[in-house]
C-alpha atoms as a PDB file:
ATOM      1  CA  MET A   1      -4.454-133.912  56.257  1.00  0.00           C
ATOM      2  CA  ASN A   2      -7.284-134.054  53.356  1.00  0.00           C
ATOM      3  CA  LYS A   3      -6.681-135.801  50.282  1.00  0.00           C
ATOM      4  CA  LYS A   4      -4.457-133.492  47.697  1.00  0.00           C
ATOM      5  CA  ARG A   5      -6.972-132.955  44.872  1.00  0.00           C
ATOM      6  CA  GLU A   6      -6.131-135.056  41.906  1.00  0.00           C
ATOM      7  CA  ILE A   7      -5.539-132.936  38.866  1.00  0.00           C
ATOM      8  CA  GLU A   8      -5.995-134.866  35.042  1.00  0.00           C
ATOM      9  CA  SER A   9      -3.208-135.178  32.822  1.00  0.00           C
ATOM     10  CA  SER A  10      -2.587-137.430  30.050  1.00  0.00           C
ATOM     11  CA  VAL A  11       1.347-137.436  30.985  1.00  0.00           C
ATOM     12  CA  LYS A  12       1.952-140.633  33.119  1.00  0.00           C
ATOM     13  CA  ASP A  13       5.689-139.492  33.619  1.00  0.00           C
ATOM     14  CA  GLU A  14       5.328-138.292  37.476  1.00  0.00           C
ATOM     15  CA  SER A  15       8.673-136.424  37.352  1.00  0.00           C
ATOM     16  CA  LEU A  16       7.691-134.756  34.103  1.00  0.00           C
ATOM     17  CA  ILE A  17       4.157-133.554  35.470  1.00  0.00           C
ATOM     18  CA  GLU A  18       6.088-131.948  38.294  1.00  0.00           C
ATOM     19  CA  LYS A  19       8.741-130.255  35.983  1.00  0.00           C
ATOM     20  CA  ARG A  20       6.084-128.920  33.872  1.00  0.00           C
ATOM     21  CA  ARG A  21       3.594-127.848  36.495  1.00  0.00           C
ATOM     22  CA  GLU A  22       6.566-125.640  38.480  1.00  0.00           C
ATOM     23  CA  GLN A  23       7.083-124.177  34.976  1.00  0.00           C
ATOM     24  CA  MET A  24       3.099-123.242  34.728  1.00  0.00           C
ATOM     25  CA  ILE A  25       3.426-121.803  38.292  1.00  0.00           C
ATOM     26  CA  ARG A  26       6.122-119.542  37.639  1.00  0.00           C
ATOM     27  CA  GLY A  27       4.804-118.275  34.384  1.00  0.00           C
ATOM     28  CA  ALA A  28       1.233-118.106  35.809  1.00  0.00           C
ATOM     29  CA  VAL A  29       2.111-116.227  38.797  1.00  0.00           C
ATOM     30  CA  THR A  30       3.697-113.220  37.187  1.00  0.00           C
ATOM     31  CA  LEU A  31       0.835-113.012  34.526  1.00  0.00           C
ATOM     32  CA  PHE A  32      -2.043-113.594  37.202  1.00  0.00           C
ATOM     33  CA  LYS A  33      -0.228-110.424  39.004  1.00  0.00           C
ATOM     34  CA  GLU A  34       0.240-108.300  36.364  1.00  0.00           C
ATOM     35  CA  LYS A  35      -3.373-108.618  34.163  1.00  0.00           C
ATOM     36  CA  GLY A  36      -5.137-110.577  37.110  1.00  0.00           C
ATOM     37  CA  PHE A  37      -6.829-114.398  36.557  1.00  0.00           C
ATOM     38  CA  HIS A  38      -9.488-113.602  34.152  1.00  0.00           C
ATOM     39  CA  ARG A  39      -7.626-111.495  31.894  1.00  0.00           C
ATOM     40  CA  THR A  40      -5.083-114.177  31.640  1.00  0.00           C
ATOM     41  CA  THR A  41      -5.046-116.954  29.075  1.00  0.00           C
ATOM     42  CA  THR A  42      -4.090-120.587  28.623  1.00  0.00           C
ATOM     43  CA  ARG A  43      -2.437-119.656  25.833  1.00  0.00           C
ATOM     44  CA  GLU A  44      -0.334-116.852  27.742  1.00  0.00           C
ATOM     45  CA  ILE A  45       0.598-119.329  30.500  1.00  0.00           C
ATOM     46  CA  ALA A  46       2.132-121.614  27.879  1.00  0.00           C
ATOM     47  CA  LYS A  47       3.800-118.869  26.748  1.00  0.00           C
ATOM     48  CA  ALA A  48       5.247-117.868  29.693  1.00  0.00           C
ATOM     49  CA  ALA A  49       5.847-121.465  30.783  1.00  0.00           C
ATOM     50  CA  GLY A  50       7.905-122.005  27.768  1.00  0.00           C
ATOM     51  CA  PHE A  51       5.600-124.258  25.609  1.00  0.00           C
ATOM     52  CA  SER A  52       2.686-124.864  23.413  1.00  0.00           C
ATOM     53  CA  ILE A  53      -0.671-124.615  24.108  1.00  0.00           C
ATOM     54  CA  GLY A  54      -1.183-128.163  23.316  1.00  0.00           C
ATOM     55  CA  THR A  55       1.721-129.021  25.647  1.00  0.00           C
ATOM     56  CA  LEU A  56      -0.200-127.232  28.570  1.00  0.00           C
ATOM     57  CA  TYR A  57      -3.237-128.867  27.825  1.00  0.00           C
ATOM     58  CA  GLU A  58      -1.224-132.588  28.463  1.00  0.00           C
ATOM     59  CA  TYR A  59      -0.988-131.719  32.213  1.00  0.00           C
ATOM     60  CA  ILE A  60      -3.932-129.471  33.272  1.00  0.00           C
ATOM     61  CA  ARG A  61      -7.367-129.004  31.560  1.00  0.00           C
ATOM     62  CA  THR A  62      -8.777-125.653  32.796  1.00  0.00           C
ATOM     63  CA  LYS A  63      -7.338-122.170  33.796  1.00  0.00           C
ATOM     64  CA  GLU A  64      -8.650-123.097  37.285  1.00  0.00           C
ATOM     65  CA  ASP A  65      -6.279-126.100  37.232  1.00  0.00           C
ATOM     66  CA  VAL A  66      -3.344-123.477  37.132  1.00  0.00           C
ATOM     67  CA  LEU A  67      -4.490-121.401  39.960  1.00  0.00           C
ATOM     68  CA  TYR A  68      -5.300-124.502  42.218  1.00  0.00           C
ATOM     69  CA  LEU A  69      -1.492-125.246  41.709  1.00  0.00           C
ATOM     70  CA  VAL A  70       0.033-121.853  42.808  1.00  0.00           C
ATOM     71  CA  CYS A  71      -2.194-122.086  45.998  1.00  0.00           C
ATOM     72  CA  ASP A  72      -1.315-125.647  46.655  1.00  0.00           C
ATOM     73  CA  SER A  73       2.405-125.125  46.001  1.00  0.00           C
ATOM     74  CA  ILE A  74       2.155-122.591  48.931  1.00  0.00           C
ATOM     75  CA  TYR A  75       1.186-124.920  51.379  1.00  0.00           C
ATOM     76  CA  ASP A  76       3.092-127.561  50.388  1.00  0.00           C
ATOM     77  CA  GLU A  77       5.805-125.526  50.842  1.00  0.00           C
ATOM     78  CA  VAL A  78       4.638-124.491  54.236  1.00  0.00           C
ATOM     79  CA  HIS A  79       4.546-127.694  55.726  1.00  0.00           C
ATOM     80  CA  SER A  80       7.680-128.860  54.345  1.00  0.00           C
ATOM     81  CA  ARG A  81       9.494-126.349  56.179  1.00  0.00           C
ATOM     82  CA  LEU A  82       7.530-126.504  59.602  1.00  0.00           C
ATOM     83  CA  ASP A  83       7.510-130.088  59.763  1.00  0.00           C
ATOM     84  CA  ARG A  84      11.139-130.261  60.114  1.00  0.00           C
ATOM     85  CA  LEU A  85      10.760-128.326  63.360  1.00  0.00           C
ATOM     86  CA  ASP A  86      10.024-130.063  66.610  1.00  0.00           C
ATOM     87  CA  ILE A  87       6.518-128.915  67.292  1.00  0.00           C
ATOM     88  CA  GLU A  88       6.064-131.187  70.013  1.00  0.00           C
ATOM     89  CA  LYS A  89       8.979-129.815  72.283  1.00  0.00           C
ATOM     90  CA  GLY A  90       6.339-126.818  72.774  1.00  0.00           C
ATOM     91  CA  SER A  91       9.206-124.452  73.778  1.00  0.00           C
ATOM     92  CA  ILE A  92       9.454-120.306  72.744  1.00  0.00           C
ATOM     93  CA  SER A  93      12.842-121.283  70.365  1.00  0.00           C
ATOM     94  CA  VAL A  94      11.003-123.654  68.319  1.00  0.00           C
ATOM     95  CA  LEU A  95       8.021-120.697  68.195  1.00  0.00           C
ATOM     96  CA  VAL A  96      10.503-118.144  67.398  1.00  0.00           C
ATOM     97  CA  SER A  97      12.359-120.631  64.884  1.00  0.00           C
ATOM     98  CA  ALA A  98       8.540-121.598  63.551  1.00  0.00           C
ATOM     99  CA  ILE A  99       7.521-117.975  63.140  1.00  0.00           C
ATOM    100  CA  GLU A 100      11.016-117.356  61.101  1.00  0.00           C
ATOM    101  CA  HIS A 101      10.652-119.884  59.021  1.00  0.00           C
ATOM    102  CA  TYR A 102       7.284-119.092  57.965  1.00  0.00           C
ATOM    103  CA  TYR A 103       7.982-115.158  57.499  1.00  0.00           C
ATOM    104  CA  THR A 104      11.061-116.134  55.311  1.00  0.00           C
ATOM    105  CA  LEU A 105       9.084-117.956  53.441  1.00  0.00           C
ATOM    106  CA  ILE A 106       6.570-115.294  52.770  1.00  0.00           C
ATOM    107  CA  ASP A 107       9.448-113.298  51.707  1.00  0.00           C
ATOM    108  CA  GLU A 108      10.688-115.617  49.048  1.00  0.00           C
ATOM    109  CA  MET A 109       7.316-116.466  47.771  1.00  0.00           C
ATOM    110  CA  GLN A 110       5.642-112.878  47.705  1.00  0.00           C
ATOM    111  CA  ASP A 111       4.230-113.161  44.679  1.00  0.00           C
ATOM    112  CA  GLU A 112       2.586-116.372  44.992  1.00  0.00           C
ATOM    113  CA  PHE A 113       0.812-115.388  48.483  1.00  0.00           C
ATOM    114  CA  VAL A 114      -0.655-112.127  46.937  1.00  0.00           C
ATOM    115  CA  VAL A 115      -2.296-114.004  43.867  1.00  0.00           C
ATOM    116  CA  MET A 116      -3.479-116.698  46.312  1.00  0.00           C
ATOM    117  CA  TYR A 117      -5.344-114.197  48.092  1.00  0.00           C
ATOM    118  CA  GLN A 118      -6.545-111.923  45.237  1.00  0.00           C
ATOM    119  CA  GLU A 119      -7.511-114.953  42.967  1.00  0.00           C
ATOM    120  CA  SER A 120      -8.608-117.706  45.057  1.00  0.00           C
ATOM    121  CA  LYS A 121     -12.113-116.758  44.456  1.00  0.00           C
ATOM    122  CA  SER A 122     -12.363-117.762  40.954  1.00  0.00           C
ATOM    123  CA  LEU A 123     -11.502-121.367  42.136  1.00  0.00           C
ATOM    124  CA  PRO A 124     -14.361-123.711  41.629  1.00  0.00           C
ATOM    125  CA  LYS A 125     -16.391-124.272  44.992  1.00  0.00           C
ATOM    126  CA  ASP A 126     -14.813-127.580  45.670  1.00  0.00           C
ATOM    127  CA  ALA A 127     -11.259-126.245  44.745  1.00  0.00           C
ATOM    128  CA  LEU A 128     -11.598-123.472  46.849  1.00  0.00           C
ATOM    129  CA  ASN A 129     -12.941-125.315  49.801  1.00  0.00           C
ATOM    130  CA  TYR A 130      -9.765-127.790  49.988  1.00  0.00           C
ATOM    131  CA  VAL A 131      -7.437-124.266  49.759  1.00  0.00           C
ATOM    132  CA  LEU A 132      -9.874-122.987  52.739  1.00  0.00           C
ATOM    133  CA  ASN A 133      -8.860-126.410  54.520  1.00  0.00           C
ATOM    134  CA  LYS A 134      -5.283-126.205  53.873  1.00  0.00           C
ATOM    135  CA  GLU A 135      -5.200-122.767  55.365  1.00  0.00           C
ATOM    136  CA  LEU A 136      -6.796-124.594  58.641  1.00  0.00           C
ATOM    137  CA  GLN A 137      -4.663-126.893  58.336  1.00  0.00           C
ATOM    138  CA  MET A 138      -1.439-124.707  58.508  1.00  0.00           C
ATOM    139  CA  MET A 139      -2.991-123.053  61.317  1.00  0.00           C
ATOM    140  CA  ALA A 140      -3.150-125.786  63.308  1.00  0.00           C
ATOM    141  CA  ILE A 141       0.185-126.296  63.225  1.00  0.00           C
ATOM    142  CA  PHE A 142       0.842-123.378  65.092  1.00  0.00           C
ATOM    143  CA  GLU A 143      -2.255-123.750  67.232  1.00  0.00           C
ATOM    144  CA  ARG A 144      -0.690-127.312  68.386  1.00  0.00           C
ATOM    145  CA  LEU A 145       2.802-125.542  69.170  1.00  0.00           C
ATOM    146  CA  LEU A 146       1.376-122.520  70.985  1.00  0.00           C
ATOM    147  CA  THR A 147      -0.729-125.242  73.083  1.00  0.00           C
ATOM    148  CA  GLN A 148       2.327-127.342  73.791  1.00  0.00           C
ATOM    149  CA  CYS A 149       4.193-123.619  74.846  1.00  0.00           C
ATOM    150  CA  VAL A 150       1.146-123.572  77.290  1.00  0.00           C
ATOM    151  CA  GLU A 151       1.367-126.973  78.663  1.00  0.00           C
ATOM    152  CA  ASN A 152       5.075-126.770  79.028  1.00  0.00           C
ATOM    153  CA  GLY A 153       4.821-123.735  81.275  1.00  0.00           C
ATOM    154  CA  GLU A 154       6.408-121.512  78.584  1.00  0.00           C
ATOM    155  CA  ILE A 155       3.776-119.140  78.290  1.00  0.00           C
ATOM    156  CA  GLN A 156       0.256-118.749  79.977  1.00  0.00           C
ATOM    157  CA  MET A 157      -2.701-118.440  77.501  1.00  0.00           C
ATOM    158  CA  THR A 158      -6.506-120.109  77.081  1.00  0.00           C
ATOM    159  CA  PRO A 159      -7.165-122.204  74.789  1.00  0.00           C
ATOM    160  CA  LYS A 160      -9.104-119.163  72.760  1.00  0.00           C
ATOM    161  CA  GLU A 161      -6.404-117.158  73.290  1.00  0.00           C
ATOM    162  CA  VAL A 162      -3.996-120.046  71.516  1.00  0.00           C
ATOM    163  CA  VAL A 163      -6.409-119.918  68.332  1.00  0.00           C
ATOM    164  CA  MET A 164      -6.496-115.873  68.125  1.00  0.00           C
ATOM    165  CA  ALA A 165      -2.685-115.982  68.809  1.00  0.00           C
ATOM    166  CA  ALA A 166      -2.208-118.802  65.922  1.00  0.00           C
ATOM    167  CA  HIS A 167      -4.144-116.760  63.809  1.00  0.00           C
ATOM    168  CA  HIS A 168      -2.399-113.221  64.468  1.00  0.00           C
ATOM    169  CA  LEU A 169       1.063-114.635  64.068  1.00  0.00           C
ATOM    170  CA  PHE A 170      -0.003-116.231  60.714  1.00  0.00           C
ATOM    171  CA  VAL A 171      -1.765-112.865  59.117  1.00  0.00           C
ATOM    172  CA  GLN A 172       0.744-110.759  60.686  1.00  0.00           C
ATOM    173  CA  GLY A 173       3.533-112.551  58.389  1.00  0.00           C
ATOM    174  CA  GLN A 174       1.617-112.016  55.539  1.00  0.00           C
ATOM    175  CA  MET A 175       1.759-108.353  55.788  1.00  0.00           C
ATOM    176  CA  TRP A 176       5.184-108.544  54.192  1.00  0.00           C
ATOM    177  CA  ALA A 177       3.664-109.476  50.879  1.00  0.00           C
ATOM    178  CA  PHE A 178       1.152-107.244  51.044  1.00  0.00           C
ATOM    179  CA  ARG A 179       2.162-104.396  52.229  1.00  0.00           C
ATOM    180  CA  ARG A 180       5.837-104.956  51.073  1.00  0.00           C
ATOM    181  CA  TRP A 181       5.360-101.766  49.079  1.00  0.00           C
ATOM    182  CA  ALA A 182       5.518 -99.712  52.197  1.00  0.00           C
ATOM    183  CA  LEU A 183       8.041-101.086  54.022  1.00  0.00           C
ATOM    184  CA  ASP A 184      11.007-100.606  52.010  1.00  0.00           C
ATOM    185  CA  ASP A 185      13.172 -99.534  54.814  1.00  0.00           C
ATOM    186  CA  PHE A 186      13.245-102.953  57.081  1.00  0.00           C
ATOM    187  CA  THR A 187      15.190-105.906  55.708  1.00  0.00           C
ATOM    188  CA  ILE A 188      13.123-109.607  55.890  1.00  0.00           C
ATOM    189  CA  GLN A 189      14.975-110.094  59.364  1.00  0.00           C
ATOM    190  CA  GLU A 190      14.175-106.872  60.484  1.00  0.00           C
ATOM    191  CA  PHE A 191      10.478-107.308  60.027  1.00  0.00           C
ATOM    192  CA  ILE A 192      10.944-110.895  61.270  1.00  0.00           C
ATOM    193  CA  ASP A 193      12.651-109.904  64.610  1.00  0.00           C
ATOM    194  CA  ILE A 194      10.279-106.935  65.121  1.00  0.00           C
ATOM    195  CA  GLN A 195       6.779-108.728  64.297  1.00  0.00           C
ATOM    196  CA  THR A 196       8.451-111.710  66.988  1.00  0.00           C
ATOM    197  CA  LYS A 197       9.164-109.501  69.871  1.00  0.00           C
ATOM    198  CA  PHE A 198       5.381-107.689  69.143  1.00  0.00           C
ATOM    199  CA  LEU A 199       3.983-111.457  69.137  1.00  0.00           C
ATOM    200  CA  LEU A 200       5.977-112.636  72.305  1.00  0.00           C
ATOM    201  CA  GLN A 201       5.294-109.651  74.088  1.00  0.00           C
ATOM    202  CA  GLY A 202       1.542-110.037  73.624  1.00  0.00           C
ATOM    203  CA  MET A 203       1.044-113.052  74.598  1.00  0.00           C
ATOM    204  CA  ALA A 204       3.715-113.241  77.563  1.00  0.00           C
ATOM    205  CA  GLY A 205       2.647-109.703  78.525  1.00  0.00           C
ATOM    206  CA  GLU A 206       5.940-108.931  79.081  1.00  0.00           C
ATOM    207  CA  ASN A 207       9.130-107.955  77.321  1.00  0.00           C
ATOM    208  CA  ILE A 208      11.002-111.198  75.969  1.00  0.00           C
ATOM    209  CA  SER A 209      14.262-110.850  74.427  1.00  0.00           C
ATOM    210  CA  ILE A 210      14.378-112.635  70.897  1.00  0.00           C
ATOM    211  CA  GLN A 211      18.016-112.927  71.068  1.00  0.00           C
ATOM    212  CA  GLY A 212      17.283-114.865  74.134  1.00  0.00           C
ATOM    213  CA  ALA A 213      14.652-117.168  73.267  1.00  0.00           C
ATOM    214  CA  LYS A 214      16.887-118.119  70.006  1.00  0.00           C
ATOM    215  CA  SER A 215      19.599-119.184  72.444  1.00  0.00           C
END
């Protein structure tokens, strides 16, 4: 994993830094979604986070730092959840669990995902490159899992098909955040089950029972 980007802080207490930055993220996500990155001020972010502008600048240096923290928090959570799974086992049941973990996270962090993709272009070049690399790392988790499934005879796919399938399941999950307004008739579990069914059928070329894969 590439080294985590360092954001300067005049505060030395790591637990306090984490707490304050989490408050900033929550406040900034709401503002960025409502007003956009460029129209939101650091003073507004500080107010939404519950402290003064002076306190804000003890933990970050620029507004871009806050957007970066929003993006990075998503990737940290994805890694945290998927790292709990036995990826090396390479089975359909693990794949189904990975999809469910990831799509459930998207449901829980809908606003963060929308803000990340809408506003990440506003990041400085080096920070944007970091964000893109982190996304590739997440993709690599699914590629590794799919490759293990192929090696274990669970599915039959070429290396290029594995890459495409990983991209496909990754992006299809994000539909829940971007198209949520049009999916009011679906619960998150219905969305997960139907998308998983489509993905597995596409990879296997035949009908596969999700319940059977989960068992």
